[in-house]
């Protein structure tokens, strides 16, 4: 596990402080250990569509035809990795991740 160990006391590249299975007074002290850089970039909404040419549609007896695909919450780039950075700290953020949604559609006018 990525935790502090007495056998390697100067290792700063650990995720968790000293772990114990019982109450330990040092674990109740205020600490900056859990501070994280919560900056992030999110691809929230993208839509691609294609409008067919009216000349192409005459043979199908259509006035208008547009096909599209839309995606919501497609990707988040962040360093938090444990919860959604928009939700705040671990206590409020340790919930289900935001789901991605895909919509496919056609707009047809006869």
PDB file of N, CA and C in Angstrom:
ATOM      1  N   UNK A   1       0.836  -1.190   0.000  1.00  0.00           N
ATOM      2  CA  UNK A   1       0.000   0.000   0.000  1.00  0.00           C
ATOM      3  C   UNK A   1       0.876   1.247   0.000  1.00  0.00           C
ATOM      4  N   UNK A   2       0.371   2.284  -0.542  1.00  0.00           N
ATOM      5  CA  UNK A   2       1.099   3.547  -0.598  1.00  0.00           C
ATOM      6  C   UNK A   2       0.845   4.323   0.693  1.00  0.00           C
ATOM      7  N   UNK A   3       1.576   3.987   1.735  1.00  0.00           N
ATOM      8  CA  UNK A   3       1.393   4.618   3.040  1.00  0.00           C
ATOM      9  C   UNK A   3       2.751   4.846   3.686  1.00  0.00           C
ATOM     10  N   UNK A   4       2.756   5.712   4.689  1.00  0.00           N
ATOM     11  CA  UNK A   4       3.975   5.969   5.436  1.00  0.00           C
ATOM     12  C   UNK A   4       4.329   4.744   6.251  1.00  0.00           C
ATOM     13  N   UNK A   5       5.620   4.426   6.323  1.00  0.00           N
ATOM     14  CA  UNK A   5       6.092   3.272   7.099  1.00  0.00           C
ATOM     15  C   UNK A   5       7.272   3.709   7.947  1.00  0.00           C
ATOM     16  N   UNK A   6       7.347   3.193   9.161  1.00  0.00           N
ATOM     17  CA  UNK A   6       8.463   3.509  10.053  1.00  0.00           C
ATOM     18  C   UNK A   6       9.790   3.034   9.464  1.00  0.00           C
ATOM     19  N   UNK A   7       9.750   2.006   8.643  1.00  0.00           N
ATOM     20  CA  UNK A   7      10.978   1.494   8.024  1.00  0.00           C
ATOM     21  C   UNK A   7      11.519   2.442   6.951  1.00  0.00           C
ATOM     22  N   UNK A   8      10.700   3.353   6.471  1.00  0.00           N
ATOM     23  CA  UNK A   8      11.105   4.332   5.455  1.00  0.00           C
ATOM     24  C   UNK A   8      10.516   5.697   5.816  1.00  0.00           C
ATOM     25  N   UNK A   9      10.980   6.306   6.934  1.00  0.00           N
ATOM     26  CA  UNK A   9      10.322   7.500   7.468  1.00  0.00           C
ATOM     27  C   UNK A   9      10.437   8.761   6.616  1.00  0.00           C
ATOM     28  N   UNK A  10      11.380   8.829   5.699  1.00  0.00           N
ATOM     29  CA  UNK A  10      11.584  10.041   4.904  1.00  0.00           C
ATOM     30  C   UNK A  10      10.997   9.940   3.495  1.00  0.00           C
ATOM     31  N   UNK A  11      10.224   8.908   3.246  1.00  0.00           N
ATOM     32  CA  UNK A  11       9.585   8.750   1.945  1.00  0.00           C
ATOM     33  C   UNK A  11       8.365   9.673   1.877  1.00  0.00           C
ATOM     34  N   UNK A  12       8.441  10.719   1.067  1.00  0.00           N
ATOM     35  CA  UNK A  12       7.341  11.672   0.904  1.00  0.00           C
ATOM     36  C   UNK A  12       6.390  11.285  -0.226  1.00  0.00           C
ATOM     37  N   UNK A  13       6.716  10.250  -0.966  1.00  0.00           N
ATOM     38  CA  UNK A  13       5.897   9.850  -2.109  1.00  0.00           C
ATOM     39  C   UNK A  13       4.886   8.783  -1.714  1.00  0.00           C
ATOM     40  N   UNK A  14       4.119   9.058  -0.683  1.00  0.00           N
ATOM     41  CA  UNK A  14       3.075   8.134  -0.240  1.00  0.00           C
ATOM     42  C   UNK A  14       1.727   8.842  -0.306  1.00  0.00           C
ATOM     43  N   UNK A  15       0.671   8.056  -0.442  1.00  0.00           N
ATOM     44  CA  UNK A  15      -0.661   8.636  -0.523  1.00  0.00           C
ATOM     45  C   UNK A  15      -1.277   8.826   0.851  1.00  0.00           C
ATOM     46  N   UNK A  16      -1.055   7.891   1.758  1.00  0.00           N
ATOM     47  CA  UNK A  16      -1.690   7.935   3.069  1.00  0.00           C
ATOM     48  C   UNK A  16      -0.672   8.150   4.186  1.00  0.00           C
ATOM     49  N   UNK A  17      -1.083   8.847   5.248  1.00  0.00           N
ATOM     50  CA  UNK A  17      -0.208   8.964   6.411  1.00  0.00           C
ATOM     51  C   UNK A  17      -0.173   7.616   7.140  1.00  0.00           C
ATOM     52  N   UNK A  18       0.441   7.591   8.278  1.00  0.00           N
ATOM     53  CA  UNK A  18       0.548   6.349   9.052  1.00  0.00           C
ATOM     54  C   UNK A  18      -0.845   5.781   9.312  1.00  0.00           C
ATOM     55  N   UNK A  19      -1.023   4.490   9.049  1.00  0.00           N
ATOM     56  CA  UNK A  19      -2.313   3.838   9.241  1.00  0.00           C
ATOM     57  C   UNK A  19      -2.293   3.024  10.526  1.00  0.00           C
ATOM     58  N   UNK A  20      -3.417   3.071  11.231  1.00  0.00           N
ATOM     59  CA  UNK A  20      -3.555   2.287  12.467  1.00  0.00           C
ATOM     60  C   UNK A  20      -4.960   1.704  12.501  1.00  0.00           C
ATOM     61  N   UNK A  21      -5.104   0.597  13.206  1.00  0.00           N
ATOM     62  CA  UNK A  21      -6.424  -0.019  13.320  1.00  0.00           C
ATOM     63  C   UNK A  21      -7.107   0.300  14.646  1.00  0.00           C
ATOM     64  N   UNK A  22      -6.543   1.223  15.413  1.00  0.00           N
ATOM     65  CA  UNK A  22      -7.169   1.653  16.666  1.00  0.00           C
ATOM     66  C   UNK A  22      -7.066   3.181  16.774  1.00  0.00           C
ATOM     67  N   UNK A  23      -7.694   3.773  17.784  1.00  0.00           N
ATOM     68  CA  UNK A  23      -7.665   5.218  17.966  1.00  0.00           C
ATOM     69  C   UNK A  23      -6.245   5.667  18.294  1.00  0.00           C
ATOM     70  N   UNK A  24      -5.846   6.739  17.645  1.00  0.00           N
ATOM     71  CA  UNK A  24      -4.495   7.268  17.837  1.00  0.00           C
ATOM     72  C   UNK A  24      -4.604   8.792  17.832  1.00  0.00           C
ATOM     73  N   UNK A  25      -4.147   9.436  18.881  1.00  0.00           N
ATOM     74  CA  UNK A  25      -4.348  10.885  19.064  1.00  0.00           C
ATOM     75  C   UNK A  25      -3.806  11.712  17.902  1.00  0.00           C
ATOM     76  N   UNK A  26      -2.713  11.301  17.298  1.00  0.00           N
ATOM     77  CA  UNK A  26      -2.142  12.085  16.190  1.00  0.00           C
ATOM     78  C   UNK A  26      -3.069  12.110  14.972  1.00  0.00           C
ATOM     79  N   UNK A  27      -3.918  11.117  14.820  1.00  0.00           N
ATOM     80  CA  UNK A  27      -4.825  11.092  13.671  1.00  0.00           C
ATOM     81  C   UNK A  27      -5.944  12.111  13.793  1.00  0.00           C
ATOM     82  N   UNK A  28      -6.124  12.714  14.948  1.00  0.00           N
ATOM     83  CA  UNK A  28      -7.187  13.690  15.152  1.00  0.00           C
ATOM     84  C   UNK A  28      -6.691  15.128  15.045  1.00  0.00           C
ATOM     85  N   UNK A  29      -5.424  15.313  14.806  1.00  0.00           N
ATOM     86  CA  UNK A  29      -4.843  16.647  14.719  1.00  0.00           C
ATOM     87  C   UNK A  29      -5.136  17.272  13.354  1.00  0.00           C
ATOM     88  N   UNK A  30      -5.351  18.613  13.312  1.00  0.00           N
ATOM     89  CA  UNK A  30      -5.518  19.281  12.009  1.00  0.00           C
ATOM     90  C   UNK A  30      -4.270  19.078  11.160  1.00  0.00           C
ATOM     91  N   UNK A  31      -4.485  18.906   9.866  1.00  0.00           N
ATOM     92  CA  UNK A  31      -3.369  18.598   8.985  1.00  0.00           C
ATOM     93  C   UNK A  31      -3.659  19.082   7.566  1.00  0.00           C
ATOM     94  N   UNK A  32      -2.617  19.396   6.839  1.00  0.00           N
ATOM     95  CA  UNK A  32      -2.749  19.742   5.424  1.00  0.00           C
ATOM     96  C   UNK A  32      -2.519  18.507   4.549  1.00  0.00           C
ATOM     97  N   UNK A  33      -2.412  17.348   5.156  1.00  0.00           N
ATOM     98  CA  UNK A  33      -2.118  16.113   4.420  1.00  0.00           C
ATOM     99  C   UNK A  33      -3.106  15.863   3.289  1.00  0.00           C
ATOM    100  N   UNK A  34      -4.397  16.162   3.521  1.00  0.00           N
ATOM    101  CA  UNK A  34      -5.429  15.831   2.550  1.00  0.00           C
ATOM    102  C   UNK A  34      -5.689  16.945   1.539  1.00  0.00           C
ATOM    103  N   UNK A  35      -4.959  18.051   1.624  1.00  0.00           N
ATOM    104  CA  UNK A  35      -5.132  19.108   0.620  1.00  0.00           C
ATOM    105  C   UNK A  35      -4.682  18.581  -0.736  1.00  0.00           C
ATOM    106  N   UNK A  36      -5.467  18.848  -1.757  1.00  0.00           N
ATOM    107  CA  UNK A  36      -5.148  18.413  -3.111  1.00  0.00           C
ATOM    108  C   UNK A  36      -5.391  19.568  -4.074  1.00  0.00           C
ATOM    109  N   UNK A  37      -4.660  19.566  -5.171  1.00  0.00           N
ATOM    110  CA  UNK A  37      -4.911  20.513  -6.253  1.00  0.00           C
ATOM    111  C   UNK A  37      -6.174  20.037  -6.972  1.00  0.00           C
ATOM    112  N   UNK A  38      -7.234  20.784  -6.879  1.00  0.00           N
ATOM    113  CA  UNK A  38      -8.513  20.367  -7.452  1.00  0.00           C
ATOM    114  C   UNK A  38      -8.811  21.071  -8.774  1.00  0.00           C
ATOM    115  N   UNK A  39      -7.790  21.595  -9.430  1.00  0.00           N
ATOM    116  CA  UNK A  39      -8.041  22.207 -10.735  1.00  0.00           C
ATOM    117  C   UNK A  39      -8.380  21.102 -11.737  1.00  0.00           C
ATOM    118  N   UNK A  40      -9.270  21.422 -12.668  1.00  0.00           N
ATOM    119  CA  UNK A  40      -9.687  20.419 -13.638  1.00  0.00           C
ATOM    120  C   UNK A  40     -10.190  21.089 -14.905  1.00  0.00           C
ATOM    121  N   UNK A  41     -10.291  20.296 -15.946  1.00  0.00           N
ATOM    122  CA  UNK A  41     -10.846  20.718 -17.222  1.00  0.00           C
ATOM    123  C   UNK A  41     -11.856  19.648 -17.629  1.00  0.00           C
ATOM    124  N   UNK A  42     -13.071  20.070 -17.983  1.00  0.00           N
ATOM    125  CA  UNK A  42     -14.114  19.105 -18.330  1.00  0.00           C
ATOM    126  C   UNK A  42     -14.678  19.425 -19.707  1.00  0.00           C
ATOM    127  N   UNK A  43     -14.790  18.389 -20.539  1.00  0.00           N
ATOM    128  CA  UNK A  43     -15.488  18.492 -21.813  1.00  0.00           C
ATOM    129  C   UNK A  43     -16.954  18.205 -21.515  1.00  0.00           C
ATOM    130  N   UNK A  44     -17.749  19.257 -21.390  1.00  0.00           N
ATOM    131  CA  UNK A  44     -19.109  19.160 -20.854  1.00  0.00           C
ATOM    132  C   UNK A  44     -20.142  18.807 -21.924  1.00  0.00           C
ATOM    133  N   UNK A  45     -20.060  19.430 -23.101  1.00  0.00           N
ATOM    134  CA  UNK A  45     -21.107  19.226 -24.093  1.00  0.00           C
ATOM    135  C   UNK A  45     -20.537  19.397 -25.496  1.00  0.00           C
ATOM    136  N   UNK A  46     -20.768  18.406 -26.364  1.00  0.00           N
ATOM    137  CA  UNK A  46     -20.316  18.462 -27.753  1.00  0.00           C
ATOM    138  C   UNK A  46     -21.443  17.935 -28.633  1.00  0.00           C
ATOM    139  N   UNK A  47     -21.665  18.599 -29.760  1.00  0.00           N
ATOM    140  CA  UNK A  47     -22.658  18.114 -30.715  1.00  0.00           C
ATOM    141  C   UNK A  47     -22.088  18.206 -32.124  1.00  0.00           C
ATOM    142  N   UNK A  48     -22.259  17.116 -32.885  1.00  0.00           N
ATOM    143  CA  UNK A  48     -21.883  17.085 -34.296  1.00  0.00           C
ATOM    144  C   UNK A  48     -23.142  16.791 -35.091  1.00  0.00           C
ATOM    145  N   UNK A  49     -23.346  17.548 -36.167  1.00  0.00           N
ATOM    146  CA  UNK A  49     -24.525  17.335 -36.991  1.00  0.00           C
ATOM    147  C   UNK A  49     -24.201  17.482 -38.461  1.00  0.00           C
ATOM    148  N   UNK A  50     -25.062  16.887 -39.280  1.00  0.00           N
ATOM    149  CA  UNK A  50     -24.916  16.991 -40.724  1.00  0.00           C
ATOM    150  C   UNK A  50     -26.271  17.337 -41.334  1.00  0.00           C
ATOM    151  N   UNK A  51     -26.306  18.410 -42.085  1.00  0.00           N
ATOM    152  CA  UNK A  51     -27.521  18.864 -42.768  1.00  0.00           C
ATOM    153  C   UNK A  51     -27.407  18.424 -44.227  1.00  0.00           C
ATOM    154  N   UNK A  52     -28.357  17.617 -44.687  1.00  0.00           N
ATOM    155  CA  UNK A  52     -28.329  17.144 -46.063  1.00  0.00           C
ATOM    156  C   UNK A  52     -28.744  18.252 -47.024  1.00  0.00           C
ATOM    157  N   UNK A  53     -28.202  18.184 -48.214  1.00  0.00           N
ATOM    158  CA  UNK A  53     -28.495  19.145 -49.273  1.00  0.00           C
ATOM    159  C   UNK A  53     -29.942  18.949 -49.746  1.00  0.00           C
ATOM    160  N   UNK A  54     -30.651  20.050 -49.982  1.00  0.00           N
ATOM    161  CA  UNK A  54     -32.065  19.989 -50.391  1.00  0.00           C
ATOM    162  C   UNK A  54     -32.236  19.274 -51.735  1.00  0.00           C
ATOM    163  N   UNK A  55     -31.254  19.367 -52.613  1.00  0.00           N
ATOM    164  CA  UNK A  55     -31.321  18.665 -53.902  1.00  0.00           C
ATOM    165  C   UNK A  55     -31.285  17.153 -53.692  1.00  0.00           C
ATOM    166  N   UNK A  56     -30.469  16.715 -52.733  1.00  0.00           N
ATOM    167  CA  UNK A  56     -30.383  15.286 -52.429  1.00  0.00           C
ATOM    168  C   UNK A  56     -31.707  14.774 -51.862  1.00  0.00           C
ATOM    169  N   UNK A  57     -32.442  15.608 -51.160  1.00  0.00           N
ATOM    170  CA  UNK A  57     -33.652  15.187 -50.453  1.00  0.00           C
ATOM    171  C   UNK A  57     -34.896  15.154 -51.328  1.00  0.00           C
ATOM    172  N   UNK A  58     -34.849  15.826 -52.502  1.00  0.00           N
ATOM    173  CA  UNK A  58     -36.026  15.865 -53.380  1.00  0.00           C
ATOM    174  C   UNK A  58     -36.462  14.465 -53.788  1.00  0.00           C
ATOM    175  N   UNK A  59     -35.502  13.606 -54.110  1.00  0.00           N
ATOM    176  CA  UNK A  59     -35.847  12.249 -54.554  1.00  0.00           C
ATOM    177  C   UNK A  59     -36.490  11.436 -53.429  1.00  0.00           C
ATOM    178  N   UNK A  60     -36.242  11.795 -52.172  1.00  0.00           N
ATOM    179  CA  UNK A  60     -36.843  11.110 -51.028  1.00  0.00           C
ATOM    180  C   UNK A  60     -38.121  11.790 -50.557  1.00  0.00           C
ATOM    181  N   UNK A  61     -38.508  12.861 -51.256  1.00  0.00           N
ATOM    182  CA  UNK A  61     -39.688  13.666 -50.914  1.00  0.00           C
ATOM    183  C   UNK A  61     -39.594  14.241 -49.495  1.00  0.00           C
ATOM    184  N   UNK A  62     -38.405  14.702 -49.155  1.00  0.00           N
ATOM    185  CA  UNK A  62     -38.163  15.350 -47.864  1.00  0.00           C
ATOM    186  C   UNK A  62     -37.797  16.805 -48.103  1.00  0.00           C
ATOM    187  N   UNK A  63     -38.213  17.662 -47.209  1.00  0.00           N
ATOM    188  CA  UNK A  63     -37.856  19.075 -47.280  1.00  0.00           C
ATOM    189  C   UNK A  63     -36.546  19.329 -46.545  1.00  0.00           C
ATOM    190  N   UNK A  64     -36.353  18.635 -45.427  1.00  0.00           N
ATOM    191  CA  UNK A  64     -35.160  18.857 -44.601  1.00  0.00           C
ATOM    192  C   UNK A  64     -34.787  17.559 -43.894  1.00  0.00           C
ATOM    193  N   UNK A  65     -33.476  17.304 -43.751  1.00  0.00           N
ATOM    194  CA  UNK A  65     -32.986  16.149 -42.998  1.00  0.00           C
ATOM    195  C   UNK A  65     -31.663  16.520 -42.335  1.00  0.00           C
ATOM    196  N   UNK A  66     -31.621  16.362 -41.048  1.00  0.00           N
ATOM    197  CA  UNK A  66     -30.409  16.624 -40.278  1.00  0.00           C
ATOM    198  C   UNK A  66     -30.193  15.461 -39.320  1.00  0.00           C
ATOM    199  N   UNK A  67     -28.980  14.889 -39.332  1.00  0.00           N
ATOM    200  CA  UNK A  67     -28.586  13.828 -38.411  1.00  0.00           C
ATOM    201  C   UNK A  67     -27.577  14.406 -37.425  1.00  0.00           C
ATOM    202  N   UNK A  68     -27.651  13.969 -36.164  1.00  0.00           N
ATOM    203  CA  UNK A  68     -26.723  14.518 -35.179  1.00  0.00           C
ATOM    204  C   UNK A  68     -26.413  13.498 -34.086  1.00  0.00           C
ATOM    205  N   UNK A  69     -25.311  13.750 -33.417  1.00  0.00           N
ATOM    206  CA  UNK A  69     -24.910  13.015 -32.222  1.00  0.00           C
ATOM    207  C   UNK A  69     -24.446  14.048 -31.208  1.00  0.00           C
ATOM    208  N   UNK A  70     -24.890  13.893 -29.974  1.00  0.00           N
ATOM    209  CA  UNK A  70     -24.537  14.842 -28.914  1.00  0.00           C
ATOM    210  C   UNK A  70     -24.028  14.060 -27.717  1.00  0.00           C
ATOM    211  N   UNK A  71     -22.964  14.565 -27.095  1.00  0.00           N
ATOM    212  CA  UNK A  71     -22.413  13.953 -25.891  1.00  0.00           C
ATOM    213  C   UNK A  71     -22.324  14.963 -24.767  1.00  0.00           C
ATOM    214  N   UNK A  72     -22.643  14.521 -23.545  1.00  0.00           N
ATOM    215  CA  UNK A  72     -22.583  15.370 -22.361  1.00  0.00           C
ATOM    216  C   UNK A  72     -21.701  14.698 -21.313  1.00  0.00           C
ATOM    217  N   UNK A  73     -20.868  15.487 -20.632  1.00  0.00           N
ATOM    218  CA  UNK A  73     -19.919  14.991 -19.619  1.00  0.00           C
ATOM    219  C   UNK A  73     -19.035  13.888 -20.183  1.00  0.00           C
ATOM    220  N   UNK A  74     -18.315  14.212 -21.245  1.00  0.00           N
ATOM    221  CA  UNK A  74     -17.552  13.206 -21.964  1.00  0.00           C
ATOM    222  C   UNK A  74     -16.206  12.893 -21.336  1.00  0.00           C
ATOM    223  N   UNK A  75     -15.539  13.897 -20.789  1.00  0.00           N
ATOM    224  CA  UNK A  75     -14.187  13.653 -20.274  1.00  0.00           C
ATOM    225  C   UNK A  75     -13.841  14.718 -19.239  1.00  0.00           C
ATOM    226  N   UNK A  76     -13.135  14.302 -18.180  1.00  0.00           N
ATOM    227  CA  UNK A  76     -12.620  15.226 -17.180  1.00  0.00           C
ATOM    228  C   UNK A  76     -11.135  14.958 -17.005  1.00  0.00           C
ATOM    229  N   UNK A  77     -10.342  16.015 -17.101  1.00  0.00           N
ATOM    230  CA  UNK A  77      -8.910  15.916 -16.859  1.00  0.00           C
ATOM    231  C   UNK A  77      -8.638  16.565 -15.504  1.00  0.00           C
ATOM    232  N   UNK A  78      -8.134  15.784 -14.545  1.00  0.00           N
ATOM    233  CA  UNK A  78      -7.870  16.315 -13.208  1.00  0.00           C
ATOM    234  C   UNK A  78      -6.815  15.457 -12.512  1.00  0.00           C
ATOM    235  N   UNK A  79      -6.355  15.955 -11.365  1.00  0.00           N
ATOM    236  CA  UNK A  79      -5.395  15.212 -10.547  1.00  0.00           C
ATOM    237  C   UNK A  79      -6.038  14.636  -9.291  1.00  0.00           C
ATOM    238  N   UNK A  80      -7.324  14.845  -9.104  1.00  0.00           N
ATOM    239  CA  UNK A  80      -7.987  14.363  -7.888  1.00  0.00           C
ATOM    240  C   UNK A  80      -8.151  12.847  -7.948  1.00  0.00           C
ATOM    241  N   UNK A  81      -8.771  12.318  -8.990  1.00  0.00           N
ATOM    242  CA  UNK A  81      -8.929  10.892  -9.274  1.00  0.00           C
ATOM    243  C   UNK A  81      -9.810  10.117  -8.311  1.00  0.00           C
ATOM    244  N   UNK A  82     -10.177  10.664  -7.173  1.00  0.00           N
ATOM    245  CA  UNK A  82     -10.933   9.895  -6.185  1.00  0.00           C
ATOM    246  C   UNK A  82     -12.402  10.261  -6.165  1.00  0.00           C
ATOM    247  N   UNK A  83     -12.752  11.444  -6.642  1.00  0.00           N
ATOM    248  CA  UNK A  83     -14.135  11.896  -6.698  1.00  0.00           C
ATOM    249  C   UNK A  83     -14.224  13.022  -7.709  1.00  0.00           C
ATOM    250  N   UNK A  84     -15.410  13.427  -8.029  1.00  0.00           N
ATOM    251  CA  UNK A  84     -15.626  14.488  -8.997  1.00  0.00           C
ATOM    252  C   UNK A  84     -15.134  15.812  -8.414  1.00  0.00           C
ATOM    253  N   UNK A  85     -14.204  16.513  -9.076  1.00  0.00           N
ATOM    254  CA  UNK A  85     -13.660  17.750  -8.511  1.00  0.00           C
ATOM    255  C   UNK A  85     -14.692  18.860  -8.354  1.00  0.00           C
ATOM    256  N   UNK A  86     -15.806  18.819  -9.071  1.00  0.00           N
ATOM    257  CA  UNK A  86     -16.842  19.837  -8.915  1.00  0.00           C
ATOM    258  C   UNK A  86     -17.628  19.659  -7.619  1.00  0.00           C
ATOM    259  N   UNK A  87     -17.552  18.501  -6.996  1.00  0.00           N
ATOM    260  CA  UNK A  87     -18.330  18.242  -5.787  1.00  0.00           C
ATOM    261  C   UNK A  87     -17.625  18.675  -4.514  1.00  0.00           C
ATOM    262  N   UNK A  88     -16.370  19.064  -4.578  1.00  0.00           N
ATOM    263  CA  UNK A  88     -15.685  19.562  -3.390  1.00  0.00           C
ATOM    264  C   UNK A  88     -14.839  18.500  -2.707  1.00  0.00           C
ATOM    265  N   UNK A  89     -14.923  18.453  -1.375  1.00  0.00           N
ATOM    266  CA  UNK A  89     -14.041  17.574  -0.605  1.00  0.00           C
ATOM    267  C   UNK A  89     -14.502  16.116  -0.642  1.00  0.00           C
ATOM    268  N   UNK A  90     -13.708  15.259  -0.030  1.00  0.00           N
ATOM    269  CA  UNK A  90     -13.979  13.821  -0.049  1.00  0.00           C
ATOM    270  C   UNK A  90     -15.292  13.479   0.632  1.00  0.00           C
ATOM    271  N   UNK A  91     -15.677  14.236   1.654  1.00  0.00           N
ATOM    272  CA  UNK A  91     -16.905  13.914   2.367  1.00  0.00           C
ATOM    273  C   UNK A  91     -18.140  14.165   1.507  1.00  0.00           C
ATOM    274  N   UNK A  92     -18.131  15.252   0.747  1.00  0.00           N
ATOM    275  CA  UNK A  92     -19.285  15.520  -0.107  1.00  0.00           C
ATOM    276  C   UNK A  92     -19.083  14.964  -1.506  1.00  0.00           C
ATOM    277  N   UNK A  93     -17.842  14.723  -1.891  1.00  0.00           N
ATOM    278  CA  UNK A  93     -17.567  14.304  -3.258  1.00  0.00           C
ATOM    279  C   UNK A  93     -17.459  12.815  -3.473  1.00  0.00           C
ATOM    280  N   UNK A  94     -17.328  12.039  -2.420  1.00  0.00           N
ATOM    281  CA  UNK A  94     -17.154  10.594  -2.572  1.00  0.00           C
ATOM    282  C   UNK A  94     -18.498   9.941  -2.883  1.00  0.00           C
ATOM    283  N   UNK A  95     -19.016  10.251  -4.056  1.00  0.00           N
ATOM    284  CA  UNK A  95     -20.304   9.751  -4.501  1.00  0.00           C
ATOM    285  C   UNK A  95     -20.125   9.158  -5.886  1.00  0.00           C
ATOM    286  N   UNK A  96     -21.220   8.794  -6.506  1.00  0.00           N
ATOM    287  CA  UNK A  96     -21.128   8.271  -7.856  1.00  0.00           C
ATOM    288  C   UNK A  96     -20.580   9.335  -8.785  1.00  0.00           C
ATOM    289  N   UNK A  97     -19.763   8.941  -9.760  1.00  0.00           N
ATOM    290  CA  UNK A  97     -19.254   9.929 -10.721  1.00  0.00           C
ATOM    291  C   UNK A  97     -20.377  10.425 -11.625  1.00  0.00           C
ATOM    292  N   UNK A  98     -20.164  11.580 -12.218  1.00  0.00           N
ATOM    293  CA  UNK A  98     -21.133  12.111 -13.167  1.00  0.00           C
ATOM    294  C   UNK A  98     -21.140  11.192 -14.390  1.00  0.00           C
ATOM    295  N   UNK A  99     -22.302  10.788 -14.821  1.00  0.00           N
ATOM    296  CA  UNK A  99     -22.390   9.862 -15.950  1.00  0.00           C
ATOM    297  C   UNK A  99     -22.314  10.616 -17.275  1.00  0.00           C
ATOM    298  N   UNK A 100     -21.786   9.931 -18.269  1.00  0.00           N
ATOM    299  CA  UNK A 100     -21.764  10.467 -19.628  1.00  0.00           C
ATOM    300  C   UNK A 100     -23.069  10.101 -20.307  1.00  0.00           C
ATOM    301  N   UNK A 101     -23.521  10.982 -21.185  1.00  0.00           N
ATOM    302  CA  UNK A 101     -24.772  10.755 -21.904  1.00  0.00           C
ATOM    303  C   UNK A 101     -24.536  10.974 -23.393  1.00  0.00           C
ATOM    304  N   UNK A 102     -25.017  10.042 -24.196  1.00  0.00           N
ATOM    305  CA  UNK A 102     -24.937  10.167 -25.648  1.00  0.00           C
ATOM    306  C   UNK A 102     -26.348  10.215 -26.212  1.00  0.00           C
ATOM    307  N   UNK A 103     -26.582  11.122 -27.145  1.00  0.00           N
ATOM    308  CA  UNK A 103     -27.880  11.232 -27.806  1.00  0.00           C
ATOM    309  C   UNK A 103     -27.643  11.220 -29.312  1.00  0.00           C
ATOM    310  N   UNK A 104     -28.386  10.358 -29.993  1.00  0.00           N
ATOM    311  CA  UNK A 104     -28.346  10.287 -31.454  1.00  0.00           C
ATOM    312  C   UNK A 104     -29.727  10.702 -31.946  1.00  0.00           C
ATOM    313  N   UNK A 105     -29.764  11.473 -33.014  1.00  0.00           N
ATOM    314  CA  UNK A 105     -31.075  11.913 -33.464  1.00  0.00           C
ATOM    315  C   UNK A 105     -31.126  12.276 -34.922  1.00  0.00           C
ATOM    316  N   UNK A 106     -32.345  12.444 -35.382  1.00  0.00           N
ATOM    317  CA  UNK A 106     -32.621  12.869 -36.761  1.00  0.00           C
ATOM    318  C   UNK A 106     -33.764  13.869 -36.703  1.00  0.00           C
ATOM    319  N   UNK A 107     -33.594  14.955 -37.416  1.00  0.00           N
ATOM    320  CA  UNK A 107     -34.653  15.951 -37.584  1.00  0.00           C
ATOM    321  C   UNK A 107     -35.108  15.867 -39.025  1.00  0.00           C
ATOM    322  N   UNK A 108     -36.364  15.485 -39.227  1.00  0.00           N
ATOM    323  CA  UNK A 108     -36.894  15.257 -40.554  1.00  0.00           C
ATOM    324  C   UNK A 108     -38.106  16.156 -40.791  1.00  0.00           C
ATOM    325  N   UNK A 109     -38.126  16.812 -41.963  1.00  0.00           N
ATOM    326  CA  UNK A 109     -39.288  17.608 -42.373  1.00  0.00           C
ATOM    327  C   UNK A 109     -39.777  17.068 -43.713  1.00  0.00           C
ATOM    328  N   UNK A 110     -41.062  16.709 -43.757  1.00  0.00           N
ATOM    329  CA  UNK A 110     -41.641  16.156 -44.996  1.00  0.00           C
ATOM    330  C   UNK A 110     -42.236  17.248 -45.848  1.00  0.00           C
TER     331      UNK A 110
END
